[in-house]
C-alpha atoms as a PDB file:
ATOM      1  CA  UNK A   1      65.423  27.972 -37.040  1.00  0.00           C
ATOM      2  CA  UNK A   2      65.373  24.602 -39.707  1.00  0.00           C
ATOM      3  CA  UNK A   3      62.050  23.806 -40.611  1.00  0.00           C
ATOM      4  CA  UNK A   4      60.714  20.764 -38.697  1.00  0.00           C
ATOM      5  CA  UNK A   5      60.070  19.265 -41.696  1.00  0.00           C
ATOM      6  CA  UNK A   6      60.764  18.776 -45.634  1.00  0.00           C
ATOM      7  CA  UNK A   7      58.392  21.553 -47.412  1.00  0.00           C
ATOM      8  CA  UNK A   8      58.131  19.147 -50.560  1.00  0.00           C
ATOM      9  CA  UNK A   9      57.953  15.533 -49.152  1.00  0.00           C
ATOM     10  CA  UNK A  10      56.879  15.860 -45.347  1.00  0.00           C
ATOM     11  CA  UNK A  11      59.690  13.820 -43.844  1.00  0.00           C
ATOM     12  CA  UNK A  12      61.651  15.147 -40.964  1.00  0.00           C
ATOM     13  CA  UNK A  13      64.505  16.640 -41.638  1.00  0.00           C
ATOM     14  CA  UNK A  14      65.400  18.821 -38.389  1.00  0.00           C
ATOM     15  CA  UNK A  15      66.896  15.824 -36.610  1.00  0.00           C
ATOM     16  CA  UNK A  16      69.601  15.909 -39.228  1.00  0.00           C
ATOM     17  CA  UNK A  17      70.471  19.557 -39.103  1.00  0.00           C
ATOM     18  CA  UNK A  18      72.641  19.665 -36.268  1.00  0.00           C
ATOM     19  CA  UNK A  19      74.783  16.428 -37.573  1.00  0.00           C
ATOM     20  CA  UNK A  20      74.758  17.971 -41.344  1.00  0.00           C
ATOM     21  CA  UNK A  21      76.565  21.350 -40.214  1.00  0.00           C
ATOM     22  CA  UNK A  22      79.549  19.632 -37.327  1.00  0.00           C
ATOM     23  CA  UNK A  23      80.249  17.263 -40.182  1.00  0.00           C
ATOM     24  CA  UNK A  24      80.359  19.991 -43.111  1.00  0.00           C
ATOM     25  CA  UNK A  25      82.475  22.212 -40.835  1.00  0.00           C
ATOM     26  CA  UNK A  26      84.797  19.598 -40.167  1.00  0.00           C
ATOM     27  CA  UNK A  27      85.586  19.360 -43.480  1.00  0.00           C
ATOM     28  CA  UNK A  28      83.759  16.440 -44.925  1.00  0.00           C
ATOM     29  CA  UNK A  29      81.590  16.685 -48.757  1.00  0.00           C
ATOM     30  CA  UNK A  30      78.060  17.627 -47.988  1.00  0.00           C
ATOM     31  CA  UNK A  31      77.394  15.047 -50.598  1.00  0.00           C
ATOM     32  CA  UNK A  32      78.420  12.003 -48.387  1.00  0.00           C
ATOM     33  CA  UNK A  33      77.232  13.321 -45.326  1.00  0.00           C
ATOM     34  CA  UNK A  34      73.895  13.368 -46.909  1.00  0.00           C
ATOM     35  CA  UNK A  35      74.310   9.910 -48.307  1.00  0.00           C
ATOM     36  CA  UNK A  36      75.642   8.633 -45.044  1.00  0.00           C
ATOM     37  CA  UNK A  37      72.548  10.646 -42.869  1.00  0.00           C
ATOM     38  CA  UNK A  38      69.932   8.358 -45.321  1.00  0.00           C
ATOM     39  CA  UNK A  39      68.748  12.063 -47.193  1.00  0.00           C
ATOM     40  CA  UNK A  40      68.151  10.301 -50.592  1.00  0.00           C
ATOM     41  CA  UNK A  41      65.447  12.611 -51.957  1.00  0.00           C
ATOM     42  CA  UNK A  42      66.239  16.098 -53.720  1.00  0.00           C
ATOM     43  CA  UNK A  43      63.983  18.356 -51.945  1.00  0.00           C
ATOM     44  CA  UNK A  44      65.453  17.218 -48.532  1.00  0.00           C
ATOM     45  CA  UNK A  45      68.681  17.758 -49.755  1.00  0.00           C
ATOM     46  CA  UNK A  46      68.041  21.202 -50.529  1.00  0.00           C
ATOM     47  CA  UNK A  47      66.674  22.347 -47.286  1.00  0.00           C
ATOM     48  CA  UNK A  48      69.407  21.313 -45.791  1.00  0.00           C
ATOM     49  CA  UNK A  49      72.060  22.679 -48.098  1.00  0.00           C
ATOM     50  CA  UNK A  50      70.178  25.774 -48.849  1.00  0.00           C
ATOM     51  CA  UNK A  51      69.014  26.734 -45.491  1.00  0.00           C
ATOM     52  CA  UNK A  52      70.845  29.937 -43.957  1.00  0.00           C
ATOM     53  CA  UNK A  53      70.564  30.781 -40.124  1.00  0.00           C
ATOM     54  CA  UNK A  54      68.868  34.332 -39.935  1.00  0.00           C
ATOM     55  CA  UNK A  55      69.193  36.475 -36.886  1.00  0.00           C
END
């Protein structure tokens, strides 16, 4: 489960998680998806890129 907010800056990032995963799985470049979603800070980008679903 992805954190609701970025640990560093506090921006809400959980709202972008599903769309980010869907678009990357469809073959889009992760950098372009993050730019399109408006996630410009490296801390927020890190939260989505590095997240691993633990079961």
